[in-house]
Amino acid sequence: MSGQTLTDRIAAAQYQLTGSDVARAVCKATTHEVMAPKKKHLEYLISTTNETNVNIPQMADTLFERSTNASWVVVFKALTTTHHICIYGNERFIQYLASRTSLFNLSNFIDKTGSHVI
């Protein structure tokens, strides 16, 4: 699959309309494309964790939301992006994650996309 899917484009447009650049970047980092998250989106998310006015809970919640997607690719990229932000982002992100009673609920995850990559 090359390029973003229509679903990815619609989700990014919805976040852009709401004015959330962080949510839009999370959406773009966790597309349905079978490839790693793009470096520019990861770098943007990491740099925003160092800004004082960034909404860390919104960033984390958007990642949690993306991890409930039916596509294994989106779920994997959401987990990879979260890991990347934990390693290279501001400590406030990890502190927020630590303050939550639950993080990712993957117990009911079943890939419904039918795509198999070898």
Protein backbone atom coordinates (compact mmCIF):
# COMPACT_ATOMS: atom_id res chain seq x y z
CA MET A 1 0.00 0.00 0.00
CA SER A 2 1.57 3.28 -1.01
CA GLY A 3 0.57 6.66 0.38
CA GLN A 4 -1.96 7.44 3.04
CA THR A 5 -5.34 5.78 2.92
CA LEU A 6 -8.52 7.81 2.61
CA THR A 7 -9.25 7.01 6.27
CA ASP A 8 -5.87 8.47 7.28
CA ARG A 9 -6.49 11.63 5.26
CA ILE A 10 -9.96 12.12 6.73
CA ALA A 11 -8.71 11.62 10.30
CA ALA A 12 -5.86 14.10 9.76
CA ALA A 13 -8.30 16.63 8.27
CA GLN A 14 -10.64 16.24 11.26
CA TYR A 15 -7.81 16.95 13.68
CA GLN A 16 -6.70 19.91 11.58
CA LEU A 17 -10.23 21.36 11.70
CA THR A 18 -10.27 21.09 15.49
CA GLY A 19 -7.00 23.04 15.56
CA SER A 20 -5.00 20.29 17.23
CA ASP A 21 -1.58 20.12 15.57
CA VAL A 22 -0.45 17.53 18.11
CA ALA A 23 -3.38 15.20 17.39
CA ARG A 24 -2.84 15.69 13.66
CA ALA A 25 0.85 14.74 14.03
CA VAL A 26 -0.11 11.65 16.05
CA CYS A 27 -2.55 10.68 13.31
CA LYS A 28 0.09 11.18 10.62
CA ALA A 29 2.66 9.18 12.61
CA THR A 30 0.20 6.29 12.98
CA THR A 31 -1.13 5.88 9.44
CA HIS A 32 -2.19 2.60 7.83
CA GLU A 33 0.97 2.57 5.67
CA VAL A 34 3.07 -0.52 6.32
CA MET A 35 6.23 1.38 7.18
CA ALA A 36 7.76 3.02 10.23
CA PRO A 37 6.33 6.33 11.46
CA LYS A 38 7.87 9.19 9.53
CA LYS A 39 10.80 10.84 11.26
CA LYS A 40 9.42 14.36 10.80
CA HIS A 41 6.23 13.47 12.71
CA LEU A 42 8.16 11.79 15.53
CA GLU A 43 10.52 14.76 15.79
CA TYR A 44 7.58 17.18 15.90
CA LEU A 45 5.91 15.21 18.70
CA ILE A 46 9.16 15.01 20.66
CA SER A 47 9.79 18.74 20.30
CA THR A 48 6.26 19.59 21.43
CA THR A 49 6.75 17.67 24.69
CA ASN A 50 9.37 20.28 25.59
CA GLU A 51 6.99 23.19 25.08
CA THR A 52 5.30 24.58 28.18
CA ASN A 53 1.89 25.06 26.57
CA VAL A 54 1.53 21.59 25.02
CA ASN A 55 -1.39 19.44 26.13
CA ILE A 56 0.38 16.22 27.16
CA PRO A 57 -2.88 14.47 28.19
CA GLN A 58 -4.34 15.15 24.75
CA MET A 59 -1.23 13.74 23.05
CA ALA A 60 -1.36 10.59 25.17
CA ASP A 61 -5.12 10.19 24.76
CA THR A 62 -4.80 10.47 20.98
CA LEU A 63 -2.14 7.75 21.04
CA PHE A 64 -4.40 5.59 23.23
CA GLU A 65 -7.27 6.17 20.80
CA ARG A 66 -5.10 5.16 17.84
CA SER A 67 -4.09 1.99 19.68
CA THR A 68 -7.73 0.85 19.61
CA ASN A 69 -7.81 0.90 15.81
CA ALA A 70 -8.76 -2.31 14.01
CA SER A 71 -5.56 -2.30 11.97
CA TRP A 72 -2.48 -3.94 13.46
CA VAL A 73 -0.33 -1.43 11.56
CA VAL A 74 -1.95 1.57 13.30
CA VAL A 75 -1.78 -0.14 16.70
CA PHE A 76 1.89 -1.06 16.22
CA LYS A 77 2.73 2.49 15.10
CA ALA A 78 0.86 3.98 18.07
CA LEU A 79 2.89 1.80 20.44
CA THR A 80 6.13 2.60 18.59
CA THR A 81 5.39 6.33 18.66
CA THR A 82 4.59 6.19 22.38
CA HIS A 83 7.85 4.35 23.03
CA HIS A 84 9.80 6.87 20.98
CA ILE A 85 8.28 9.81 22.89
CA CYS A 86 9.02 8.07 26.22
CA ILE A 87 12.67 7.63 25.26
CA TYR A 88 13.40 10.97 23.57
CA GLY A 89 10.62 13.29 24.77
CA ASN A 90 10.23 15.35 27.90
CA GLU A 91 9.85 13.56 31.22
CA ARG A 92 6.40 15.13 31.63
CA PHE A 93 5.06 12.63 29.09
CA ILE A 94 6.25 9.65 31.16
CA GLN A 95 5.00 11.30 34.35
CA TYR A 96 1.56 11.65 32.81
CA LEU A 97 1.55 8.01 31.70
CA ALA A 98 2.63 6.95 35.20
CA SER A 99 -0.22 8.94 36.77
CA ARG A 100 -2.90 7.07 34.79
CA THR A 101 -4.58 4.00 36.24
CA SER A 102 -4.66 2.28 32.86
CA LEU A 103 -2.78 2.77 29.63
CA PHE A 104 -3.28 0.52 26.64
CA ASN A 105 -6.05 -2.04 26.60
CA LEU A 106 -4.95 -4.52 23.96
CA SER A 107 -6.60 -7.61 25.46
CA ASN A 108 -9.44 -7.54 22.92
CA PHE A 109 -7.27 -6.68 19.93
CA ILE A 110 -8.00 -8.72 16.82
CA ASP A 111 -6.63 -7.63 13.45
CA LYS A 112 -9.65 -7.24 11.19
CA THR A 113 -7.80 -5.85 8.19
CA GLY A 114 -6.91 -9.18 6.66
CA SER A 115 -3.54 -7.91 5.47
CA HIS A 116 -0.62 -10.23 6.07
CA VAL A 117 2.89 -8.92 5.67
CA ILE A 118 5.79 -11.29 5.49
